């Protein structure tokens, strides 16, 4: 019997303004549009765009913090999909996204300071 594994871990950059919504029961849903750079076999990089969705208390905690340009790491997540009927055309639409269970944000200034400290440490050794 085959057992599928649906575990996602990724690091990328919030590429557009995060979107907030709520479920019918009032649970906060925060969608972070994230760009992830992927290294191709030929050495070039290609950007992959994926929505990272966070729910509930975690979403509430990130609302005031998440901004375009921030680095985000999904420590633990799963790939999910959703489908809906387009109200204008009546056609079925679908999307794949990452539902994040554990996520961290890093402000660009903090990341730059860490890089400077690491470079100073390397040069002094």
PDB file of N, CA and C in Angstrom:
ATOM      1  N   UNK A   1       0.834  -1.173   0.000  1.00  0.00           N
ATOM      2  CA  UNK A   1       0.000   0.000   0.000  1.00  0.00           C
ATOM      3  C   UNK A   1       0.886   1.245   0.000  1.00  0.00           C
ATOM      4  N   UNK A   2       0.588   2.158  -0.876  1.00  0.00           N
ATOM      5  CA  UNK A   2       1.342   3.399  -0.974  1.00  0.00           C
ATOM      6  C   UNK A   2       0.817   4.411   0.037  1.00  0.00           C
ATOM      7  N   UNK A   3       1.737   5.099   0.708  1.00  0.00           N
ATOM      8  CA  UNK A   3       1.359   6.147   1.646  1.00  0.00           C
ATOM      9  C   UNK A   3       1.881   7.466   1.096  1.00  0.00           C
ATOM     10  N   UNK A   4       0.982   8.392   0.832  1.00  0.00           N
ATOM     11  CA  UNK A   4       1.375   9.705   0.341  1.00  0.00           C
ATOM     12  C   UNK A   4       1.773  10.597   1.502  1.00  0.00           C
ATOM     13  N   UNK A   5       2.712  11.493   1.252  1.00  0.00           N
ATOM     14  CA  UNK A   5       3.166  12.436   2.272  1.00  0.00           C
ATOM     15  C   UNK A   5       2.896  13.837   1.752  1.00  0.00           C
ATOM     16  N   UNK A   6       2.233  14.628   2.546  1.00  0.00           N
ATOM     17  CA  UNK A   6       1.897  15.995   2.159  1.00  0.00           C
ATOM     18  C   UNK A   6       2.472  16.941   3.207  1.00  0.00           C
ATOM     19  N   UNK A   7       3.772  17.168   3.134  1.00  0.00           N
ATOM     20  CA  UNK A   7       4.459  18.086   4.041  1.00  0.00           C
ATOM     21  C   UNK A   7       5.157  19.148   3.216  1.00  0.00           C
ATOM     22  N   UNK A   8       4.963  20.403   3.581  1.00  0.00           N
ATOM     23  CA  UNK A   8       5.584  21.509   2.858  1.00  0.00           C
ATOM     24  C   UNK A   8       6.430  22.325   3.814  1.00  0.00           C
ATOM     25  N   UNK A   9       7.638  22.662   3.370  1.00  0.00           N
ATOM     26  CA  UNK A   9       8.506  23.600   4.066  1.00  0.00           C
ATOM     27  C   UNK A   9       9.085  24.483   2.973  1.00  0.00           C
ATOM     28  N   UNK A  10       8.903  25.787   3.093  1.00  0.00           N
ATOM     29  CA  UNK A  10       9.410  26.693   2.068  1.00  0.00           C
ATOM     30  C   UNK A  10       9.776  28.034   2.675  1.00  0.00           C
ATOM     31  N   UNK A  11      10.669  28.731   1.995  1.00  0.00           N
ATOM     32  CA  UNK A  11      11.050  30.086   2.370  1.00  0.00           C
ATOM     33  C   UNK A  11      10.939  30.948   1.130  1.00  0.00           C
ATOM     34  N   UNK A  12      10.332  32.110   1.278  1.00  0.00           N
ATOM     35  CA  UNK A  12      10.174  33.026   0.163  1.00  0.00           C
ATOM     36  C   UNK A  12       9.935  34.431   0.664  1.00  0.00           C
ATOM     37  N   UNK A  13       9.470  35.276  -0.227  1.00  0.00           N
ATOM     38  CA  UNK A  13       9.237  36.685   0.071  1.00  0.00           C
ATOM     39  C   UNK A  13       7.779  37.026  -0.203  1.00  0.00           C
ATOM     40  N   UNK A  14       7.161  37.742   0.726  1.00  0.00           N
ATOM     41  CA  UNK A  14       5.787  38.203   0.500  1.00  0.00           C
ATOM     42  C   UNK A  14       5.831  39.191  -0.663  1.00  0.00           C
ATOM     43  N   UNK A  15       5.145  38.854  -1.753  1.00  0.00           N
ATOM     44  CA  UNK A  15       5.300  39.620  -2.986  1.00  0.00           C
ATOM     45  C   UNK A  15       4.208  40.656  -3.226  1.00  0.00           C
ATOM     46  N   UNK A  16       3.085  40.532  -2.561  1.00  0.00           N
ATOM     47  CA  UNK A  16       1.999  41.508  -2.683  1.00  0.00           C
ATOM     48  C   UNK A  16       1.371  41.703  -1.312  1.00  0.00           C
ATOM     49  N   UNK A  17       0.503  42.675  -1.212  1.00  0.00           N
ATOM     50  CA  UNK A  17      -0.166  42.978   0.046  1.00  0.00           C
ATOM     51  C   UNK A  17      -0.958  41.755   0.529  1.00  0.00           C
ATOM     52  N   UNK A  18      -0.740  41.328   1.775  1.00  0.00           N
ATOM     53  CA  UNK A  18      -1.513  40.210   2.319  1.00  0.00           C
ATOM     54  C   UNK A  18      -3.014  40.530   2.315  1.00  0.00           C
ATOM     55  N   UNK A  19      -3.827  39.495   2.146  1.00  0.00           N
ATOM     56  CA  UNK A  19      -5.284  39.649   2.102  1.00  0.00           C
ATOM     57  C   UNK A  19      -5.899  38.976   3.321  1.00  0.00           C
ATOM     58  N   UNK A  20      -6.863  39.646   3.935  1.00  0.00           N
ATOM     59  CA  UNK A  20      -7.528  39.074   5.105  1.00  0.00           C
ATOM     60  C   UNK A  20      -9.005  38.863   4.793  1.00  0.00           C
ATOM     61  N   UNK A  21      -9.528  37.753   5.298  1.00  0.00           N
ATOM     62  CA  UNK A  21     -10.941  37.419   5.128  1.00  0.00           C
ATOM     63  C   UNK A  21     -11.378  36.642   6.371  1.00  0.00           C
ATOM     64  N   UNK A  22     -12.600  36.190   6.374  1.00  0.00           N
ATOM     65  CA  UNK A  22     -13.105  35.383   7.486  1.00  0.00           C
ATOM     66  C   UNK A  22     -13.986  34.274   6.931  1.00  0.00           C
ATOM     67  N   UNK A  23     -13.983  33.147   7.624  1.00  0.00           N
ATOM     68  CA  UNK A  23     -14.875  32.054   7.246  1.00  0.00           C
ATOM     69  C   UNK A  23     -16.284  32.410   7.702  1.00  0.00           C
ATOM     70  N   UNK A  24     -17.250  31.596   7.323  1.00  0.00           N
ATOM     71  CA  UNK A  24     -18.630  31.814   7.744  1.00  0.00           C
ATOM     72  C   UNK A  24     -18.808  31.764   9.250  1.00  0.00           C
ATOM     73  N   UNK A  25     -17.889  31.084   9.941  1.00  0.00           N
ATOM     74  CA  UNK A  25     -17.952  30.993  11.404  1.00  0.00           C
ATOM     75  C   UNK A  25     -17.086  32.030  12.097  1.00  0.00           C
ATOM     76  N   UNK A  26     -16.490  32.948  11.316  1.00  0.00           N
ATOM     77  CA  UNK A  26     -15.724  34.038  11.903  1.00  0.00           C
ATOM     78  C   UNK A  26     -14.237  33.787  12.091  1.00  0.00           C
ATOM     79  N   UNK A  27     -13.719  32.653  11.624  1.00  0.00           N
ATOM     80  CA  UNK A  27     -12.289  32.372  11.733  1.00  0.00           C
ATOM     81  C   UNK A  27     -11.524  33.255  10.756  1.00  0.00           C
ATOM     82  N   UNK A  28     -10.484  33.919  11.229  1.00  0.00           N
ATOM     83  CA  UNK A  28      -9.664  34.777  10.379  1.00  0.00           C
ATOM     84  C   UNK A  28      -8.856  33.922   9.402  1.00  0.00           C
ATOM     85  N   UNK A  29      -8.812  34.378   8.147  1.00  0.00           N
ATOM     86  CA  UNK A  29      -8.034  33.718   7.090  1.00  0.00           C
ATOM     87  C   UNK A  29      -7.109  34.780   6.493  1.00  0.00           C
ATOM     88  N   UNK A  30      -5.806  34.569   6.609  1.00  0.00           N
ATOM     89  CA  UNK A  30      -4.819  35.500   6.074  1.00  0.00           C
ATOM     90  C   UNK A  30      -4.101  34.817   4.916  1.00  0.00           C
ATOM     91  N   UNK A  31      -4.134  35.446   3.739  1.00  0.00           N
ATOM     92  CA  UNK A  31      -3.463  34.911   2.560  1.00  0.00           C
ATOM     93  C   UNK A  31      -2.239  35.754   2.260  1.00  0.00           C
ATOM     94  N   UNK A  32      -1.080  35.096   2.238  1.00  0.00           N
ATOM     95  CA  UNK A  32       0.193  35.751   1.944  1.00  0.00           C
ATOM     96  C   UNK A  32       0.648  35.307   0.556  1.00  0.00           C
ATOM     97  N   UNK A  33       0.650  36.204  -0.429  1.00  0.00           N
ATOM     98  CA  UNK A  33       1.180  35.852  -1.749  1.00  0.00           C
ATOM     99  C   UNK A  33       2.706  35.807  -1.660  1.00  0.00           C
ATOM    100  N   UNK A  34       3.294  34.644  -1.875  1.00  0.00           N
ATOM    101  CA  UNK A  34       4.730  34.449  -1.643  1.00  0.00           C
ATOM    102  C   UNK A  34       5.425  34.068  -2.951  1.00  0.00           C
ATOM    103  N   UNK A  35       6.605  34.656  -3.161  1.00  0.00           N
ATOM    104  CA  UNK A  35       7.469  34.301  -4.288  1.00  0.00           C
ATOM    105  C   UNK A  35       8.617  33.459  -3.741  1.00  0.00           C
ATOM    106  N   UNK A  36       8.824  32.288  -4.338  1.00  0.00           N
ATOM    107  CA  UNK A  36       9.890  31.376  -3.937  1.00  0.00           C
ATOM    108  C   UNK A  36      10.839  31.213  -5.123  1.00  0.00           C
ATOM    109  N   UNK A  37      12.120  31.497  -4.909  1.00  0.00           N
ATOM    110  CA  UNK A  37      13.113  31.320  -5.967  1.00  0.00           C
ATOM    111  C   UNK A  37      13.527  29.852  -6.005  1.00  0.00           C
ATOM    112  N   UNK A  38      13.512  29.270  -7.199  1.00  0.00           N
ATOM    113  CA  UNK A  38      13.860  27.867  -7.387  1.00  0.00           C
ATOM    114  C   UNK A  38      15.066  27.776  -8.315  1.00  0.00           C
ATOM    115  N   UNK A  39      16.058  26.990  -7.924  1.00  0.00           N
ATOM    116  CA  UNK A  39      17.250  26.804  -8.752  1.00  0.00           C
ATOM    117  C   UNK A  39      16.976  25.716  -9.780  1.00  0.00           C
ATOM    118  N   UNK A  40      17.151  26.052 -11.058  1.00  0.00           N
ATOM    119  CA  UNK A  40      16.986  25.087 -12.141  1.00  0.00           C
ATOM    120  C   UNK A  40      18.282  24.299 -12.320  1.00  0.00           C
ATOM    121  N   UNK A  41      18.206  23.128 -12.968  1.00  0.00           N
ATOM    122  CA  UNK A  41      19.417  22.322 -13.181  1.00  0.00           C
ATOM    123  C   UNK A  41      20.525  23.066 -13.944  1.00  0.00           C
ATOM    124  N   UNK A  42      20.145  24.030 -14.805  1.00  0.00           N
ATOM    125  CA  UNK A  42      21.147  24.769 -15.570  1.00  0.00           C
ATOM    126  C   UNK A  42      21.763  25.924 -14.776  1.00  0.00           C
ATOM    127  N   UNK A  43      21.396  26.068 -13.511  1.00  0.00           N
ATOM    128  CA  UNK A  43      21.964  27.103 -12.661  1.00  0.00           C
ATOM    129  C   UNK A  43      21.168  28.390 -12.618  1.00  0.00           C
ATOM    130  N   UNK A  44      20.186  28.540 -13.493  1.00  0.00           N
ATOM    131  CA  UNK A  44      19.345  29.733 -13.478  1.00  0.00           C
ATOM    132  C   UNK A  44      18.297  29.605 -12.378  1.00  0.00           C
ATOM    133  N   UNK A  45      17.776  30.748 -11.940  1.00  0.00           N
ATOM    134  CA  UNK A  45      16.699  30.719 -10.961  1.00  0.00           C
ATOM    135  C   UNK A  45      15.388  31.083 -11.639  1.00  0.00           C
ATOM    136  N   UNK A  46      14.337  30.511 -11.136  1.00  0.00           N
ATOM    137  CA  UNK A  46      12.994  30.799 -11.628  1.00  0.00           C
ATOM    138  C   UNK A  46      12.110  31.058 -10.416  1.00  0.00           C
ATOM    139  N   UNK A  47      11.252  32.044 -10.515  1.00  0.00           N
ATOM    140  CA  UNK A  47      10.344  32.353  -9.422  1.00  0.00           C
ATOM    141  C   UNK A  47       9.077  31.528  -9.534  1.00  0.00           C
ATOM    142  N   UNK A  48       8.650  30.999  -8.396  1.00  0.00           N
ATOM    143  CA  UNK A  48       7.382  30.294  -8.284  1.00  0.00           C
ATOM    144  C   UNK A  48       6.510  31.114  -7.349  1.00  0.00           C
ATOM    145  N   UNK A  49       5.262  31.318  -7.732  1.00  0.00           N
ATOM    146  CA  UNK A  49       4.343  32.123  -6.932  1.00  0.00           C
ATOM    147  C   UNK A  49       3.312  31.200  -6.305  1.00  0.00           C
ATOM    148  N   UNK A  50       3.144  31.316  -4.995  1.00  0.00           N
ATOM    149  CA  UNK A  50       2.202  30.454  -4.282  1.00  0.00           C
ATOM    150  C   UNK A  50       1.550  31.264  -3.161  1.00  0.00           C
ATOM    151  N   UNK A  51       0.264  31.029  -2.968  1.00  0.00           N
ATOM    152  CA  UNK A  51      -0.420  31.633  -1.836  1.00  0.00           C
ATOM    153  C   UNK A  51      -0.206  30.761  -0.616  1.00  0.00           C
ATOM    154  N   UNK A  52       0.200  31.394   0.477  1.00  0.00           N
ATOM    155  CA  UNK A  52       0.327  30.719   1.762  1.00  0.00           C
ATOM    156  C   UNK A  52      -0.835  31.212   2.615  1.00  0.00           C
ATOM    157  N   UNK A  53      -1.648  30.295   3.104  1.00  0.00           N
ATOM    158  CA  UNK A  53      -2.850  30.645   3.846  1.00  0.00           C
ATOM    159  C   UNK A  53      -2.675  30.238   5.303  1.00  0.00           C
ATOM    160  N   UNK A  54      -3.004  31.183   6.200  1.00  0.00           N
ATOM    161  CA  UNK A  54      -2.876  30.977   7.641  1.00  0.00           C
ATOM    162  C   UNK A  54      -4.251  31.238   8.258  1.00  0.00           C
ATOM    163  N   UNK A  55      -4.609  30.428   9.256  1.00  0.00           N
ATOM    164  CA  UNK A  55      -5.938  30.502   9.847  1.00  0.00           C
ATOM    165  C   UNK A  55      -5.898  30.836  11.336  1.00  0.00           C
ATOM    166  N   UNK A  56      -7.022  31.351  11.839  1.00  0.00           N
ATOM    167  CA  UNK A  56      -7.268  31.485  13.266  1.00  0.00           C
ATOM    168  C   UNK A  56      -6.326  32.394  14.023  1.00  0.00           C
ATOM    169  N   UNK A  57      -5.893  31.909  15.206  1.00  0.00           N
ATOM    170  CA  UNK A  57      -5.043  32.709  16.090  1.00  0.00           C
ATOM    171  C   UNK A  57      -3.729  33.092  15.421  1.00  0.00           C
ATOM    172  N   UNK A  58      -3.165  32.183  14.639  1.00  0.00           N
ATOM    173  CA  UNK A  58      -1.914  32.481  13.948  1.00  0.00           C
ATOM    174  C   UNK A  58      -2.125  33.619  12.953  1.00  0.00           C
ATOM    175  N   UNK A  59      -3.217  33.568  12.207  1.00  0.00           N
ATOM    176  CA  UNK A  59      -3.539  34.633  11.259  1.00  0.00           C
ATOM    177  C   UNK A  59      -3.720  35.959  11.986  1.00  0.00           C
ATOM    178  N   UNK A  60      -4.443  35.933  13.103  1.00  0.00           N
ATOM    179  CA  UNK A  60      -4.650  37.165  13.881  1.00  0.00           C
ATOM    180  C   UNK A  60      -3.325  37.754  14.353  1.00  0.00           C
ATOM    181  N   UNK A  61      -2.398  36.891  14.772  1.00  0.00           N
ATOM    182  CA  UNK A  61      -1.104  37.360  15.252  1.00  0.00           C
ATOM    183  C   UNK A  61      -0.246  37.972  14.152  1.00  0.00           C
ATOM    184  N   UNK A  62      -0.434  37.509  12.917  1.00  0.00           N
ATOM    185  CA  UNK A  62       0.378  38.006  11.799  1.00  0.00           C
ATOM    186  C   UNK A  62      -0.215  39.229  11.111  1.00  0.00           C
ATOM    187  N   UNK A  63      -1.490  39.525  11.373  1.00  0.00           N
ATOM    188  CA  UNK A  63      -2.176  40.606  10.666  1.00  0.00           C
ATOM    189  C   UNK A  63      -1.403  41.925  10.672  1.00  0.00           C
ATOM    190  N   UNK A  64      -0.949  42.348  11.826  1.00  0.00           N
ATOM    191  CA  UNK A  64      -0.272  43.645  11.944  1.00  0.00           C
ATOM    192  C   UNK A  64       1.197  43.569  11.527  1.00  0.00           C
ATOM    193  N   UNK A  65       1.740  42.367  11.360  1.00  0.00           N
ATOM    194  CA  UNK A  65       3.165  42.212  11.090  1.00  0.00           C
ATOM    195  C   UNK A  65       3.501  41.981   9.626  1.00  0.00           C
ATOM    196  N   UNK A  66       2.714  41.175   8.935  1.00  0.00           N
ATOM    197  CA  UNK A  66       3.046  40.746   7.579  1.00  0.00           C
ATOM    198  C   UNK A  66       2.964  41.914   6.602  1.00  0.00           C
ATOM    199  N   UNK A  67       4.063  42.111   5.849  1.00  0.00           N
ATOM    200  CA  UNK A  67       4.136  43.194   4.868  1.00  0.00           C
ATOM    201  C   UNK A  67       4.833  42.707   3.609  1.00  0.00           C
ATOM    202  N   UNK A  68       4.521  43.361   2.506  1.00  0.00           N
ATOM    203  CA  UNK A  68       5.209  43.075   1.247  1.00  0.00           C
ATOM    204  C   UNK A  68       6.712  43.243   1.452  1.00  0.00           C
ATOM    205  N   UNK A  69       7.489  42.305   0.926  1.00  0.00           N
ATOM    206  CA  UNK A  69       8.944  42.362   1.016  1.00  0.00           C
ATOM    207  C   UNK A  69       9.534  41.580   2.171  1.00  0.00           C
ATOM    208  N   UNK A  70       8.708  41.139   3.113  1.00  0.00           N
ATOM    209  CA  UNK A  70       9.217  40.372   4.249  1.00  0.00           C
ATOM    210  C   UNK A  70       9.491  38.932   3.844  1.00  0.00           C
ATOM    211  N   UNK A  71      10.546  38.364   4.439  1.00  0.00           N
ATOM    212  CA  UNK A  71      10.832  36.952   4.232  1.00  0.00           C
ATOM    213  C   UNK A  71       9.901  36.141   5.119  1.00  0.00           C
ATOM    214  N   UNK A  72       9.382  35.057   4.573  1.00  0.00           N
ATOM    215  CA  UNK A  72       8.491  34.183   5.311  1.00  0.00           C
ATOM    216  C   UNK A  72       8.984  32.749   5.158  1.00  0.00           C
ATOM    217  N   UNK A  73       8.945  32.000   6.253  1.00  0.00           N
ATOM    218  CA  UNK A  73       9.285  30.582   6.208  1.00  0.00           C
ATOM    219  C   UNK A  73       8.106  29.787   6.740  1.00  0.00           C
ATOM    220  N   UNK A  74       7.623  28.898   5.911  1.00  0.00           N
ATOM    221  CA  UNK A  74       6.609  27.948   6.359  1.00  0.00           C
ATOM    222  C   UNK A  74       7.380  26.768   6.920  1.00  0.00           C
ATOM    223  N   UNK A  75       7.357  26.631   8.239  1.00  0.00           N
ATOM    224  CA  UNK A  75       8.063  25.537   8.907  1.00  0.00           C
ATOM    225  C   UNK A  75       7.319  24.223   8.721  1.00  0.00           C
ATOM    226  N   UNK A  76       5.988  24.318   8.714  1.00  0.00           N
ATOM    227  CA  UNK A  76       5.160  23.124   8.550  1.00  0.00           C
ATOM    228  C   UNK A  76       3.881  23.539   7.841  1.00  0.00           C
ATOM    229  N   UNK A  77       3.597  22.880   6.731  1.00  0.00           N
ATOM    230  CA  UNK A  77       2.384  23.180   5.991  1.00  0.00           C
ATOM    231  C   UNK A  77       1.983  22.008   5.117  1.00  0.00           C
ATOM    232  N   UNK A  78       0.839  22.145   4.470  1.00  0.00           N
ATOM    233  CA  UNK A  78       0.343  21.118   3.565  1.00  0.00           C
ATOM    234  C   UNK A  78      -0.165  21.771   2.288  1.00  0.00           C
ATOM    235  N   UNK A  79      -0.086  21.031   1.191  1.00  0.00           N
ATOM    236  CA  UNK A  79      -0.657  21.493  -0.065  1.00  0.00           C
ATOM    237  C   UNK A  79      -2.144  21.188  -0.026  1.00  0.00           C
ATOM    238  N   UNK A  80      -2.932  22.178  -0.388  1.00  0.00           N
ATOM    239  CA  UNK A  80      -4.388  22.003  -0.455  1.00  0.00           C
ATOM    240  C   UNK A  80      -4.898  22.604  -1.756  1.00  0.00           C
ATOM    241  N   UNK A  81      -6.107  22.261  -2.101  1.00  0.00           N
ATOM    242  CA  UNK A  81      -6.725  22.847  -3.281  1.00  0.00           C
ATOM    243  C   UNK A  81      -8.160  23.231  -2.953  1.00  0.00           C
ATOM    244  N   UNK A  82      -8.663  24.151  -3.747  1.00  0.00           N
ATOM    245  CA  UNK A  82     -10.058  24.541  -3.592  1.00  0.00           C
ATOM    246  C   UNK A  82     -10.631  24.753  -4.987  1.00  0.00           C
ATOM    247  N   UNK A  83     -11.924  24.623  -5.110  1.00  0.00           N
ATOM    248  CA  UNK A  83     -12.568  24.872  -6.392  1.00  0.00           C
ATOM    249  C   UNK A  83     -13.856  25.652  -6.158  1.00  0.00           C
ATOM    250  N   UNK A  84     -14.286  26.390  -7.195  1.00  0.00           N
ATOM    251  CA  UNK A  84     -15.463  27.216  -7.101  1.00  0.00           C
ATOM    252  C   UNK A  84     -15.988  27.476  -8.513  1.00  0.00           C
ATOM    253  N   UNK A  85     -17.210  27.902  -8.582  1.00  0.00           N
ATOM    254  CA  UNK A  85     -17.805  28.255  -9.862  1.00  0.00           C
ATOM    255  C   UNK A  85     -17.707  29.770 -10.023  1.00  0.00           C
ATOM    256  N   UNK A  86     -17.117  30.204 -11.129  1.00  0.00           N
ATOM    257  CA  UNK A  86     -16.988  31.633 -11.422  1.00  0.00           C
ATOM    258  C   UNK A  86     -18.384  32.215 -11.618  1.00  0.00           C
ATOM    259  N   UNK A  87     -18.766  33.227 -10.819  1.00  0.00           N
ATOM    260  CA  UNK A  87     -20.122  33.765 -10.921  1.00  0.00           C
ATOM    261  C   UNK A  87     -20.390  34.490 -12.247  1.00  0.00           C
ATOM    262  N   UNK A  88     -19.331  34.961 -12.916  1.00  0.00           N
ATOM    263  CA  UNK A  88     -19.516  35.692 -14.176  1.00  0.00           C
ATOM    264  C   UNK A  88     -19.648  34.771 -15.378  1.00  0.00           C
ATOM    265  N   UNK A  89     -18.869  33.678 -15.379  1.00  0.00           N
ATOM    266  CA  UNK A  89     -18.857  32.794 -16.557  1.00  0.00           C
ATOM    267  C   UNK A  89     -19.531  31.452 -16.308  1.00  0.00           C
ATOM    268  N   UNK A  90     -19.689  31.092 -15.039  1.00  0.00           N
ATOM    269  CA  UNK A  90     -20.283  29.807 -14.716  1.00  0.00           C
ATOM    270  C   UNK A  90     -19.319  28.641 -14.829  1.00  0.00           C
ATOM    271  N   UNK A  91     -18.060  28.899 -15.201  1.00  0.00           N
ATOM    272  CA  UNK A  91     -17.083  27.823 -15.329  1.00  0.00           C
ATOM    273  C   UNK A  91     -16.472  27.488 -13.976  1.00  0.00           C
ATOM    274  N   UNK A  92     -16.046  26.243 -13.859  1.00  0.00           N
ATOM    275  CA  UNK A  92     -15.389  25.814 -12.628  1.00  0.00           C
ATOM    276  C   UNK A  92     -13.949  26.316 -12.636  1.00  0.00           C
ATOM    277  N   UNK A  93     -13.495  26.806 -11.509  1.00  0.00           N
ATOM    278  CA  UNK A  93     -12.127  27.281 -11.338  1.00  0.00           C
ATOM    279  C   UNK A  93     -11.517  26.500 -10.180  1.00  0.00           C
ATOM    280  N   UNK A  94     -10.174  26.457 -10.131  1.00  0.00           N
ATOM    281  CA  UNK A  94      -9.506  25.789  -9.013  1.00  0.00           C
ATOM    282  C   UNK A  94      -8.177  26.465  -8.744  1.00  0.00           C
ATOM    283  N   UNK A  95      -7.668  26.275  -7.542  1.00  0.00           N
ATOM    284  CA  UNK A  95      -6.379  26.841  -7.146  1.00  0.00           C
ATOM    285  C   UNK A  95      -5.719  25.907  -6.143  1.00  0.00           C
ATOM    286  N   UNK A  96      -4.398  25.875  -6.182  1.00  0.00           N
ATOM    287  CA  UNK A  96      -3.602  25.125  -5.226  1.00  0.00           C
ATOM    288  C   UNK A  96      -2.905  26.141  -4.337  1.00  0.00           C
ATOM    289  N   UNK A  97      -2.834  25.865  -3.041  1.00  0.00           N
ATOM    290  CA  UNK A  97      -2.193  26.769  -2.093  1.00  0.00           C
ATOM    291  C   UNK A  97      -1.531  25.963  -0.987  1.00  0.00           C
ATOM    292  N   UNK A  98      -0.740  26.639  -0.159  1.00  0.00           N
ATOM    293  CA  UNK A  98      -0.112  26.006   0.996  1.00  0.00           C
ATOM    294  C   UNK A  98      -0.830  26.495   2.246  1.00  0.00           C
ATOM    295  N   UNK A  99      -1.357  25.565   3.031  1.00  0.00           N
ATOM    296  CA  UNK A  99      -1.952  25.897   4.329  1.00  0.00           C
ATOM    297  C   UNK A  99      -0.842  25.759   5.367  1.00  0.00           C
ATOM    298  N   UNK A 100      -0.493  26.877   6.011  1.00  0.00           N
ATOM    299  CA  UNK A 100       0.626  26.893   6.957  1.00  0.00           C
ATOM    300  C   UNK A 100       0.135  26.594   8.368  1.00  0.00           C
ATOM    301  N   UNK A 101       0.777  25.612   8.998  1.00  0.00           N
ATOM    302  CA  UNK A 101       0.504  25.297  10.399  1.00  0.00           C
ATOM    303  C   UNK A 101       1.513  25.985  11.311  1.00  0.00           C
ATOM    304  N   UNK A 102       2.741  26.165  10.834  1.00  0.00           N
ATOM    305  CA  UNK A 102       3.800  26.842  11.598  1.00  0.00           C
ATOM    306  C   UNK A 102       4.539  27.754  10.626  1.00  0.00           C
ATOM    307  N   UNK A 103       4.652  29.030  10.983  1.00  0.00           N
ATOM    308  CA  UNK A 103       5.199  30.020  10.057  1.00  0.00           C
ATOM    309  C   UNK A 103       5.984  31.074  10.831  1.00  0.00           C
ATOM    310  N   UNK A 104       7.060  31.578  10.220  1.00  0.00           N
ATOM    311  CA  UNK A 104       7.814  32.674  10.830  1.00  0.00           C
ATOM    312  C   UNK A 104       8.034  33.758   9.780  1.00  0.00           C
ATOM    313  N   UNK A 105       8.084  34.995  10.255  1.00  0.00           N
ATOM    314  CA  UNK A 105       8.356  36.147   9.407  1.00  0.00           C
ATOM    315  C   UNK A 105       9.673  36.767   9.825  1.00  0.00           C
ATOM    316  N   UNK A 106      10.389  37.337   8.866  1.00  0.00           N
ATOM    317  CA  UNK A 106      11.620  38.041   9.195  1.00  0.00           C
ATOM    318  C   UNK A 106      11.624  39.365   8.436  1.00  0.00           C
ATOM    319  N   UNK A 107      11.748  40.451   9.176  1.00  0.00           N
ATOM    320  CA  UNK A 107      11.785  41.783   8.575  1.00  0.00           C
ATOM    321  C   UNK A 107      13.091  41.943   7.809  1.00  0.00           C
ATOM    322  N   UNK A 108      13.084  42.600   6.644  1.00  0.00           N
ATOM    323  CA  UNK A 108      14.305  42.769   5.853  1.00  0.00           C
ATOM    324  C   UNK A 108      15.461  43.418   6.625  1.00  0.00           C
ATOM    325  N   UNK A 109      15.189  44.349   7.532  1.00  0.00           N
ATOM    326  CA  UNK A 109      16.260  44.982   8.307  1.00  0.00           C
ATOM    327  C   UNK A 109      16.929  43.991   9.245  1.00  0.00           C
ATOM    328  N   UNK A 110      16.140  43.096   9.832  1.00  0.00           N
ATOM    329  CA  UNK A 110      16.705  42.078  10.715  1.00  0.00           C
ATOM    330  C   UNK A 110      17.553  41.109   9.906  1.00  0.00           C
ATOM    331  N   UNK A 111      17.067  40.717   8.735  1.00  0.00           N
ATOM    332  CA  UNK A 111      17.820  39.810   7.875  1.00  0.00           C
ATOM    333  C   UNK A 111      19.145  40.449   7.456  1.00  0.00           C
ATOM    334  N   UNK A 112      19.119  41.737   7.106  1.00  0.00           N
ATOM    335  CA  UNK A 112      20.341  42.436   6.699  1.00  0.00           C
ATOM    336  C   UNK A 112      21.331  42.511   7.861  1.00  0.00           C
ATOM    337  N   UNK A 113      20.834  42.764   9.066  1.00  0.00           N
ATOM    338  CA  UNK A 113      21.709  42.832  10.240  1.00  0.00           C
ATOM    339  C   UNK A 113      22.341  41.464  10.509  1.00  0.00           C
ATOM    340  N   UNK A 114      21.567  40.394  10.368  1.00  0.00           N
ATOM    341  CA  UNK A 114      22.116  39.042  10.563  1.00  0.00           C
ATOM    342  C   UNK A 114      23.202  38.743   9.535  1.00  0.00           C
ATOM    343  N   UNK A 115      22.974  39.151   8.291  1.00  0.00           N
ATOM    344  CA  UNK A 115      23.972  38.919   7.246  1.00  0.00           C
ATOM    345  C   UNK A 115      25.255  39.697   7.545  1.00  0.00           C
ATOM    346  N   UNK A 116      25.139  40.954   7.996  1.00  0.00           N
ATOM    347  CA  UNK A 116      26.313  41.755   8.352  1.00  0.00           C
ATOM    348  C   UNK A 116      27.086  41.111   9.484  1.00  0.00           C
ATOM    349  N   UNK A 117      26.367  40.643  10.497  1.00  0.00           N
ATOM    350  CA  UNK A 117      27.031  40.019  11.643  1.00  0.00           C
ATOM    351  C   UNK A 117      27.749  38.748  11.221  1.00  0.00           C
ATOM    352  N   UNK A 118      27.135  37.954  10.358  1.00  0.00           N
ATOM    353  CA  UNK A 118      27.751  36.723   9.887  1.00  0.00           C
ATOM    354  C   UNK A 118      29.002  37.040   9.064  1.00  0.00           C
ATOM    355  N   UNK A 119      28.940  38.086   8.239  1.00  0.00           N
ATOM    356  CA  UNK A 119      30.091  38.475   7.427  1.00  0.00           C
ATOM    357  C   UNK A 119      31.226  38.973   8.313  1.00  0.00           C
ATOM    358  N   UNK A 120      30.918  39.745   9.338  1.00  0.00           N
ATOM    359  CA  UNK A 120      31.948  40.226  10.266  1.00  0.00           C
ATOM    360  C   UNK A 120      32.579  39.063  11.014  1.00  0.00           C
ATOM    361  N   UNK A 121      31.772  38.109  11.399  1.00  0.00           N
ATOM    362  CA  UNK A 121      32.273  36.928  12.111  1.00  0.00           C
ATOM    363  C   UNK A 121      33.221  36.115  11.207  1.00  0.00           C
ATOM    364  N   UNK A 122      32.841  35.952   9.944  1.00  0.00           N
ATOM    365  CA  UNK A 122      33.699  35.224   8.998  1.00  0.00           C
ATOM    366  C   UNK A 122      35.018  35.952   8.763  1.00  0.00           C
ATOM    367  N   UNK A 123      34.964  37.273   8.664  1.00  0.00           N
ATOM    368  CA  UNK A 123      36.190  38.034   8.370  1.00  0.00           C
ATOM    369  C   UNK A 123      37.120  38.097   9.580  1.00  0.00           C
ATOM    370  N   UNK A 124      36.569  37.975  10.780  1.00  0.00           N
ATOM    371  CA  UNK A 124      37.432  38.020  11.971  1.00  0.00           C
ATOM    372  C   UNK A 124      38.039  36.660  12.315  1.00  0.00           C
ATOM    373  N   UNK A 125      37.547  35.591  11.680  1.00  0.00           N
ATOM    374  CA  UNK A 125      38.109  34.261  11.979  1.00  0.00           C
ATOM    375  C   UNK A 125      39.280  33.938  11.099  1.00  0.00           C
TER     376      UNK A 125
END
